[in-house]
Every structure is written in structure tokens, then in C-alpha cells.
Amino acid sequence: ESLDFLSVDASNQIGPIVLRFKPGGPSSPAPGSIIR
């Protein structure tokens, strides 16, 4: 139930792609960030 979703259009649909962040980094970005 990870909530680290990456969305094409978060105003329409969240996910379904989930990103996995290693404990040693990098840490997750702020919610709402557009990332590459």
C-alpha cells in the first residue's frame, strides 16, 4: 500500500505507477512536485 505514486494527471487519476525509494536515498519529493 505504498503511496509514492507518479501520475500523468493527478487531478484526474492517481497512479497506478508506484515509485520505490531506497532507505539510503534519494528521499521522496514534496507531494505535488512534477518530477523527472
All heavy atoms as atom14 arrays in JSON, in Angstrom:
{
  "sequence": "ESLDFLSVDASNQIGPIVLRFKPGGPSSPAPGSIIR",
  "atom14_mask": [
    [1, 1, 1, 1, 1, 1, 1, 1, 1, 0, 0, 0, 0, 0],
    [1, 1, 1, 1, 1, 1, 0, 0, 0, 0, 0, 0, 0, 0],
    [1, 1, 1, 1, 1, 1, 1, 1, 0, 0, 0, 0, 0, 0],
    [1, 1, 1, 1, 1, 1, 1, 1, 0, 0, 0, 0, 0, 0],
    [1, 1, 1, 1, 1, 1, 1, 1, 1, 1, 1, 0, 0, 0],
    [1, 1, 1, 1, 1, 1, 1, 1, 0, 0, 0, 0, 0, 0],
    [1, 1, 1, 1, 1, 1, 0, 0, 0, 0, 0, 0, 0, 0],
    [1, 1, 1, 1, 1, 1, 1, 0, 0, 0, 0, 0, 0, 0],
    [1, 1, 1, 1, 1, 1, 1, 1, 0, 0, 0, 0, 0, 0],
    [1, 1, 1, 1, 1, 0, 0, 0, 0, 0, 0, 0, 0, 0],
    [1, 1, 1, 1, 1, 1, 0, 0, 0, 0, 0, 0, 0, 0],
    [1, 1, 1, 1, 1, 1, 1, 1, 0, 0, 0, 0, 0, 0],
    [1, 1, 1, 1, 1, 1, 1, 1, 1, 0, 0, 0, 0, 0],
    [1, 1, 1, 1, 1, 1, 1, 1, 0, 0, 0, 0, 0, 0],
    [1, 1, 1, 1, 0, 0, 0, 0, 0, 0, 0, 0, 0, 0],
    [1, 1, 1, 1, 1, 1, 1, 0, 0, 0, 0, 0, 0, 0],
    [1, 1, 1, 1, 1, 1, 1, 1, 0, 0, 0, 0, 0, 0],
    [1, 1, 1, 1, 1, 1, 1, 0, 0, 0, 0, 0, 0, 0],
    [1, 1, 1, 1, 1, 1, 1, 1, 0, 0, 0, 0, 0, 0],
    [1, 1, 1, 1, 1, 1, 1, 1, 1, 1, 1, 0, 0, 0],
    [1, 1, 1, 1, 1, 1, 1, 1, 1, 1, 1, 0, 0, 0],
    [1, 1, 1, 1, 1, 1, 1, 1, 1, 0, 0, 0, 0, 0],
    [1, 1, 1, 1, 1, 1, 1, 0, 0, 0, 0, 0, 0, 0],
    [1, 1, 1, 1, 0, 0, 0, 0, 0, 0, 0, 0, 0, 0],
    [1, 1, 1, 1, 0, 0, 0, 0, 0, 0, 0, 0, 0, 0],
    [1, 1, 1, 1, 1, 1, 1, 0, 0, 0, 0, 0, 0, 0],
    [1, 1, 1, 1, 1, 1, 0, 0, 0, 0, 0, 0, 0, 0],
    [1, 1, 1, 1, 1, 1, 0, 0, 0, 0, 0, 0, 0, 0],
    [1, 1, 1, 1, 1, 1, 1, 0, 0, 0, 0, 0, 0, 0],
    [1, 1, 1, 1, 1, 0, 0, 0, 0, 0, 0, 0, 0, 0],
    [1, 1, 1, 1, 1, 1, 1, 0, 0, 0, 0, 0, 0, 0],
    [1, 1, 1, 1, 0, 0, 0, 0, 0, 0, 0, 0, 0, 0],
    [1, 1, 1, 1, 1, 1, 0, 0, 0, 0, 0, 0, 0, 0],
    [1, 1, 1, 1, 1, 1, 1, 1, 0, 0, 0, 0, 0, 0],
    [1, 1, 1, 1, 1, 1, 1, 1, 0, 0, 0, 0, 0, 0],
    [1, 1, 1, 1, 1, 1, 1, 1, 1, 1, 1, 0, 0, 0]
  ],
  "atom14_positions": [
    [[0.83, -1.21, 0.0], [0.0, 0.0, 0.0], [0.86, 1.26, 0.0], [0.52, 2.26, 0.6], [-0.97, 0.0, 1.18], [-2.05, -1.04, 1.05], [-3.3, -0.69, 1.84], [-3.25, 0.24, 2.65], [-4.33, -1.35, 1.64], [0.0, 0.0, 0.0], [0.0, 0.0, 0.0], [0.0, 0.0, 0.0], [0.0, 0.0, 0.0], [0.0, 0.0, 0.0]],
    [[1.96, 1.21, -0.72], [2.79, 2.4, -0.86], [1.99, 3.52, -1.5], [1.18, 3.3, -2.41], [4.02, 2.09, -1.72], [4.73, 3.27, -2.01], [0.0, 0.0, 0.0], [0.0, 0.0, 0.0], [0.0, 0.0, 0.0], [0.0, 0.0, 0.0], [0.0, 0.0, 0.0], [0.0, 0.0, 0.0], [0.0, 0.0, 0.0], [0.0, 0.0, 0.0]],
    [[2.22, 4.75, -1.04], [1.51, 5.91, -1.56], [2.4, 6.8, -2.42], [2.06, 7.94, -2.72], [0.92, 6.73, -0.4], [-0.01, 5.95, 0.53], [-0.51, 6.85, 1.66], [-1.17, 5.34, -0.22], [0.0, 0.0, 0.0], [0.0, 0.0, 0.0], [0.0, 0.0, 0.0], [0.0, 0.0, 0.0], [0.0, 0.0, 0.0], [0.0, 0.0, 0.0]],
    [[3.56, 6.27, -2.82], [4.51, 7.04, -3.62], [4.16, 6.95, -5.1], [4.91, 6.4, -5.92], [5.94, 6.55, -3.38], [6.41, 6.83, -1.97], [6.2, 7.97, -1.5], [6.99, 5.93, -1.34], [0.0, 0.0, 0.0], [0.0, 0.0, 0.0], [0.0, 0.0, 0.0], [0.0, 0.0, 0.0], [0.0, 0.0, 0.0], [0.0, 0.0, 0.0]],
    [[3.02, 7.53, -5.47], [2.52, 7.42, -6.83], [3.11, 8.5, -7.75], [3.39, 9.62, -7.31], [1.0, 7.53, -6.85], [0.32, 6.32, -6.28], [-0.06, 6.29, -4.95], [0.08, 5.21, -7.07], [-0.67, 5.17, -4.42], [-0.53, 4.08, -6.54], [-0.91, 4.07, -5.22], [0.0, 0.0, 0.0], [0.0, 0.0, 0.0], [0.0, 0.0, 0.0]],
    [[3.25, 8.13, -9.02], [3.63, 9.08, -10.06], [2.49, 9.08, -11.07], [2.14, 8.02, -11.62], [4.94, 8.67, -10.72], [5.57, 9.72, -11.65], [5.97, 10.96, -10.85], [6.77, 9.13, -12.39], [0.0, 0.0, 0.0], [0.0, 0.0, 0.0], [0.0, 0.0, 0.0], [0.0, 0.0, 0.0], [0.0, 0.0, 0.0], [0.0, 0.0, 0.0]],
    [[1.91, 10.24, -11.32], [0.69, 10.33, -12.11], [0.88, 11.2, -13.34], [1.57, 12.23, -13.31], [-0.45, 10.91, -11.26], [-0.63, 10.17, -10.07], [0.0, 0.0, 0.0], [0.0, 0.0, 0.0], [0.0, 0.0, 0.0], [0.0, 0.0, 0.0], [0.0, 0.0, 0.0], [0.0, 0.0, 0.0], [0.0, 0.0, 0.0], [0.0, 0.0, 0.0]],
    [[0.22, 10.79, -14.43], [0.19, 11.6, -15.64], [-0.59, 12.87, -15.38], [-0.16, 13.97, -15.73], [-0.46, 10.81, -16.8], [-0.66, 11.69, -18.01], [0.38, 9.59, -17.16], [0.0, 0.0, 0.0], [0.0, 0.0, 0.0], [0.0, 0.0, 0.0], [0.0, 0.0, 0.0], [0.0, 0.0, 0.0], [0.0, 0.0, 0.0], [0.0, 0.0, 0.0]],
    [[-1.76, 12.76, -14.76], [-2.64, 13.89, -14.46], [-3.29, 13.62, -13.11], [-4.32, 12.96, -13.02], [-3.69, 14.07, -15.55], [-4.63, 15.24, -15.29], [-4.45, 15.94, -14.27], [-5.55, 15.45, -16.1], [0.0, 0.0, 0.0], [0.0, 0.0, 0.0], [0.0, 0.0, 0.0], [0.0, 0.0, 0.0], [0.0, 0.0, 0.0], [0.0, 0.0, 0.0]],
    [[-2.68, 14.12, -12.05], [-3.14, 13.83, -10.69], [-4.51, 14.42, -10.39], [-5.16, 13.99, -9.44], [-2.12, 14.33, -9.67], [0.0, 0.0, 0.0], [0.0, 0.0, 0.0], [0.0, 0.0, 0.0], [0.0, 0.0, 0.0], [0.0, 0.0, 0.0], [0.0, 0.0, 0.0], [0.0, 0.0, 0.0], [0.0, 0.0, 0.0], [0.0, 0.0, 0.0]],
    [[-4.96, 15.4, -11.18], [-6.29, 15.95, -10.96], [-7.37, 15.03, -11.49], [-8.54, 15.18, -11.16], [-6.41, 17.33, -11.65], [-6.35, 17.19, -13.05], [0.0, 0.0, 0.0], [0.0, 0.0, 0.0], [0.0, 0.0, 0.0], [0.0, 0.0, 0.0], [0.0, 0.0, 0.0], [0.0, 0.0, 0.0], [0.0, 0.0, 0.0], [0.0, 0.0, 0.0]],
    [[-6.97, 14.04, -12.29], [-7.93, 13.12, -12.9], [-7.8, 11.72, -12.34], [-8.79, 11.05, -12.05], [-7.72, 13.1, -14.41], [-8.77, 12.28, -15.14], [-9.96, 12.47, -14.93], [-8.32, 11.38, -15.99], [0.0, 0.0, 0.0], [0.0, 0.0, 0.0], [0.0, 0.0, 0.0], [0.0, 0.0, 0.0], [0.0, 0.0, 0.0], [0.0, 0.0, 0.0]],
    [[-6.57, 11.25, -12.19], [-6.35, 9.89, -11.69], [-4.99, 9.8, -11.01], [-3.99, 10.29, -11.54], [-6.38, 8.89, -12.86], [-6.04, 7.47, -12.46], [-6.0, 6.55, -13.65], [-7.0, 6.35, -14.34], [-4.84, 5.99, -13.94], [0.0, 0.0, 0.0], [0.0, 0.0, 0.0], [0.0, 0.0, 0.0], [0.0, 0.0, 0.0], [0.0, 0.0, 0.0]],
    [[-4.97, 9.19, -9.84], [-3.72, 8.98, -9.11], [-3.13, 7.64, -9.52], [-3.79, 6.61, -9.45], [-3.95, 9.0, -7.59], [-4.58, 10.33, -7.15], [-2.64, 8.77, -6.85], [-3.75, 11.55, -7.45], [0.0, 0.0, 0.0], [0.0, 0.0, 0.0], [0.0, 0.0, 0.0], [0.0, 0.0, 0.0], [0.0, 0.0, 0.0], [0.0, 0.0, 0.0]],
    [[-1.86, 7.63, -9.88], [-1.18, 6.39, -10.23], [-1.63, 5.86, -11.57], [-2.14, 6.59, -12.42], [0.0, 0.0, 0.0], [0.0, 0.0, 0.0], [0.0, 0.0, 0.0], [0.0, 0.0, 0.0], [0.0, 0.0, 0.0], [0.0, 0.0, 0.0], [0.0, 0.0, 0.0], [0.0, 0.0, 0.0], [0.0, 0.0, 0.0], [0.0, 0.0, 0.0]],
    [[-1.45, 4.55, -11.79], [-1.15, 3.5, -10.82], [0.33, 3.24, -10.56], [0.68, 2.38, -9.75], [-1.76, 2.27, -11.5], [-1.56, 2.54, -12.96], [-1.75, 4.0, -13.13], [0.0, 0.0, 0.0], [0.0, 0.0, 0.0], [0.0, 0.0, 0.0], [0.0, 0.0, 0.0], [0.0, 0.0, 0.0], [0.0, 0.0, 0.0], [0.0, 0.0, 0.0]],
    [[1.23, 3.94, -11.25], [2.66, 3.67, -11.08], [3.11, 4.09, -9.68], [2.82, 5.2, -9.21], [3.48, 4.41, -12.14], [3.24, 3.79, -13.52], [4.97, 4.38, -11.81], [3.69, 2.35, -13.65], [0.0, 0.0, 0.0], [0.0, 0.0, 0.0], [0.0, 0.0, 0.0], [0.0, 0.0, 0.0], [0.0, 0.0, 0.0], [0.0, 0.0, 0.0]],
    [[3.82, 3.18, -9.01], [4.38, 3.44, -7.69], [5.9, 3.49, -7.8], [6.5, 2.63, -8.45], [3.98, 2.33, -6.68], [4.73, 2.49, -5.37], [2.48, 2.37, -6.43], [0.0, 0.0, 0.0], [0.0, 0.0, 0.0], [0.0, 0.0, 0.0], [0.0, 0.0, 0.0], [0.0, 0.0, 0.0], [0.0, 0.0, 0.0], [0.0, 0.0, 0.0]],
    [[6.5, 4.51, -7.2], [7.95, 4.61, -7.14], [8.44, 4.04, -5.82], [7.77, 4.16, -4.79], [8.4, 6.07, -7.28], [7.98, 6.8, -8.55], [8.51, 8.23, -8.52], [8.48, 6.07, -9.79], [0.0, 0.0, 0.0], [0.0, 0.0, 0.0], [0.0, 0.0, 0.0], [0.0, 0.0, 0.0], [0.0, 0.0, 0.0], [0.0, 0.0, 0.0]],
    [[9.6, 3.43, -5.84], [10.21, 2.87, -4.63], [11.5, 3.65, -4.32], [12.39, 3.74, -5.16], [10.52, 1.39, -4.82], [9.31, 0.54, -5.22], [8.32, 0.4, -4.08], [7.19, -0.46, -4.44], [6.28, -0.88, -3.59], [6.34, -0.53, -2.31], [5.27, -1.65, -4.0], [0.0, 0.0, 0.0], [0.0, 0.0, 0.0], [0.0, 0.0, 0.0]],
    [[11.58, 4.2, -3.11], [12.73, 4.99, -2.69], [13.57, 4.18, -1.7], [13.07, 3.73, -0.67], [12.27, 6.29, -2.04], [11.6, 7.24, -2.99], [10.23, 7.16, -3.23], [12.35, 8.2, -3.66], [9.61, 8.03, -4.11], [11.72, 9.08, -4.55], [10.37, 8.99, -4.78], [0.0, 0.0, 0.0], [0.0, 0.0, 0.0], [0.0, 0.0, 0.0]],
    [[14.85, 4.01, -2.01], [15.75, 3.26, -1.14], [15.95, 4.0, 0.18], [15.94, 5.23, 0.22], [17.1, 3.06, -1.83], [17.07, 2.13, -3.02], [18.48, 1.89, -3.53], [18.49, 0.87, -4.65], [19.86, 0.57, -5.13], [0.0, 0.0, 0.0], [0.0, 0.0, 0.0], [0.0, 0.0, 0.0], [0.0, 0.0, 0.0], [0.0, 0.0, 0.0]],
    [[16.18, 3.24, 1.27], [16.42, 3.9, 2.57], [17.61, 4.85, 2.54], [17.62, 5.85, 3.24], [16.67, 2.71, 3.5], [15.94, 1.57, 2.86], [16.09, 1.78, 1.39], [0.0, 0.0, 0.0], [0.0, 0.0, 0.0], [0.0, 0.0, 0.0], [0.0, 0.0, 0.0], [0.0, 0.0, 0.0], [0.0, 0.0, 0.0], [0.0, 0.0, 0.0]],
    [[18.61, 4.56, 1.72], [19.8, 5.41, 1.66], [19.65, 6.61, 0.74], [20.61, 7.36, 0.55], [0.0, 0.0, 0.0], [0.0, 0.0, 0.0], [0.0, 0.0, 0.0], [0.0, 0.0, 0.0], [0.0, 0.0, 0.0], [0.0, 0.0, 0.0], [0.0, 0.0, 0.0], [0.0, 0.0, 0.0], [0.0, 0.0, 0.0], [0.0, 0.0, 0.0]],
    [[18.49, 6.8, 0.18], [18.24, 7.96, -0.68], [18.2, 7.59, -2.14], [18.57, 6.48, -2.53], [0.0, 0.0, 0.0], [0.0, 0.0, 0.0], [0.0, 0.0, 0.0], [0.0, 0.0, 0.0], [0.0, 0.0, 0.0], [0.0, 0.0, 0.0], [0.0, 0.0, 0.0], [0.0, 0.0, 0.0], [0.0, 0.0, 0.0], [0.0, 0.0, 0.0]],
    [[17.67, 8.49, -2.95], [17.19, 9.82, -2.56], [15.87, 9.75, -1.79], [15.12, 8.8, -1.94], [16.99, 10.53, -3.9], [16.65, 9.42, -4.85], [17.47, 8.25, -4.4], [0.0, 0.0, 0.0], [0.0, 0.0, 0.0], [0.0, 0.0, 0.0], [0.0, 0.0, 0.0], [0.0, 0.0, 0.0], [0.0, 0.0, 0.0], [0.0, 0.0, 0.0]],
    [[15.62, 10.78, -0.97], [14.34, 10.85, -0.25], [13.26, 11.3, -1.21], [13.54, 11.85, -2.28], [14.46, 11.81, 0.93], [14.84, 13.1, 0.49], [0.0, 0.0, 0.0], [0.0, 0.0, 0.0], [0.0, 0.0, 0.0], [0.0, 0.0, 0.0], [0.0, 0.0, 0.0], [0.0, 0.0, 0.0], [0.0, 0.0, 0.0], [0.0, 0.0, 0.0]],
    [[12.02, 11.06, -0.83], [10.9, 11.39, -1.72], [10.71, 12.91, -1.8], [10.99, 13.64, -0.84], [9.62, 10.73, -1.23], [9.32, 11.13, 0.08], [0.0, 0.0, 0.0], [0.0, 0.0, 0.0], [0.0, 0.0, 0.0], [0.0, 0.0, 0.0], [0.0, 0.0, 0.0], [0.0, 0.0, 0.0], [0.0, 0.0, 0.0], [0.0, 0.0, 0.0]],
    [[10.21, 13.41, -2.93], [9.97, 14.86, -3.07], [8.69, 15.28, -2.36], [7.93, 14.45, -1.84], [9.84, 15.02, -4.59], [9.29, 13.72, -5.06], [9.9, 12.67, -4.17], [0.0, 0.0, 0.0], [0.0, 0.0, 0.0], [0.0, 0.0, 0.0], [0.0, 0.0, 0.0], [0.0, 0.0, 0.0], [0.0, 0.0, 0.0], [0.0, 0.0, 0.0]],
    [[8.43, 16.57, -2.37], [7.2, 17.09, -1.77], [6.01, 16.68, -2.64], [6.09, 16.71, -3.87], [7.28, 18.61, -1.66], [0.0, 0.0, 0.0], [0.0, 0.0, 0.0], [0.0, 0.0, 0.0], [0.0, 0.0, 0.0], [0.0, 0.0, 0.0], [0.0, 0.0, 0.0], [0.0, 0.0, 0.0], [0.0, 0.0, 0.0], [0.0, 0.0, 0.0]],
    [[4.89, 16.29, -2.02], [3.7, 15.97, -2.8], [3.29, 17.14, -3.7], [3.35, 18.29, -3.29], [2.64, 15.7, -1.73], [3.42, 15.28, -0.53], [4.68, 16.1, -0.57], [0.0, 0.0, 0.0], [0.0, 0.0, 0.0], [0.0, 0.0, 0.0], [0.0, 0.0, 0.0], [0.0, 0.0, 0.0], [0.0, 0.0, 0.0], [0.0, 0.0, 0.0]],
    [[2.89, 16.82, -4.91], [2.51, 17.84, -5.87], [3.65, 18.29, -6.75], [3.44, 19.07, -7.69], [0.0, 0.0, 0.0], [0.0, 0.0, 0.0], [0.0, 0.0, 0.0], [0.0, 0.0, 0.0], [0.0, 0.0, 0.0], [0.0, 0.0, 0.0], [0.0, 0.0, 0.0], [0.0, 0.0, 0.0], [0.0, 0.0, 0.0], [0.0, 0.0, 0.0]],
    [[4.86, 17.79, -6.48], [6.0, 18.13, -7.32], [5.9, 17.42, -8.66], [5.54, 16.24, -8.72], [7.32, 17.72, -6.64], [7.51, 18.4, -5.43], [0.0, 0.0, 0.0], [0.0, 0.0, 0.0], [0.0, 0.0, 0.0], [0.0, 0.0, 0.0], [0.0, 0.0, 0.0], [0.0, 0.0, 0.0], [0.0, 0.0, 0.0], [0.0, 0.0, 0.0]],
    [[6.21, 18.13, -9.71], [6.37, 17.5, -11.02], [7.83, 17.11, -11.13], [8.72, 17.97, -11.02], [5.97, 18.45, -12.16], [4.51, 18.88, -12.01], [6.18, 17.78, -13.51], [4.09, 19.95, -13.0], [0.0, 0.0, 0.0], [0.0, 0.0, 0.0], [0.0, 0.0, 0.0], [0.0, 0.0, 0.0], [0.0, 0.0, 0.0], [0.0, 0.0, 0.0]],
    [[8.08, 15.83, -11.29], [9.46, 15.36, -11.27], [9.8, 14.61, -12.56], [8.93, 14.09, -13.25], [9.74, 14.44, -10.06], [8.92, 13.15, -10.15], [9.47, 15.18, -8.76], [9.3, 12.12, -9.08], [0.0, 0.0, 0.0], [0.0, 0.0, 0.0], [0.0, 0.0, 0.0], [0.0, 0.0, 0.0], [0.0, 0.0, 0.0], [0.0, 0.0, 0.0]],
    [[11.08, 14.59, -12.86], [11.62, 13.75, -13.92], [12.56, 12.76, -13.22], [13.61, 13.14, -12.72], [12.36, 14.58, -14.96], [12.88, 13.77, -16.15], [13.56, 14.66, -17.17], [12.61, 15.58, -17.79], [12.75, 16.9, -17.84], [13.82, 17.46, -17.27], [11.85, 17.65, -18.42], [0.0, 0.0, 0.0], [0.0, 0.0, 0.0], [0.0, 0.0, 0.0]]
  ]
}
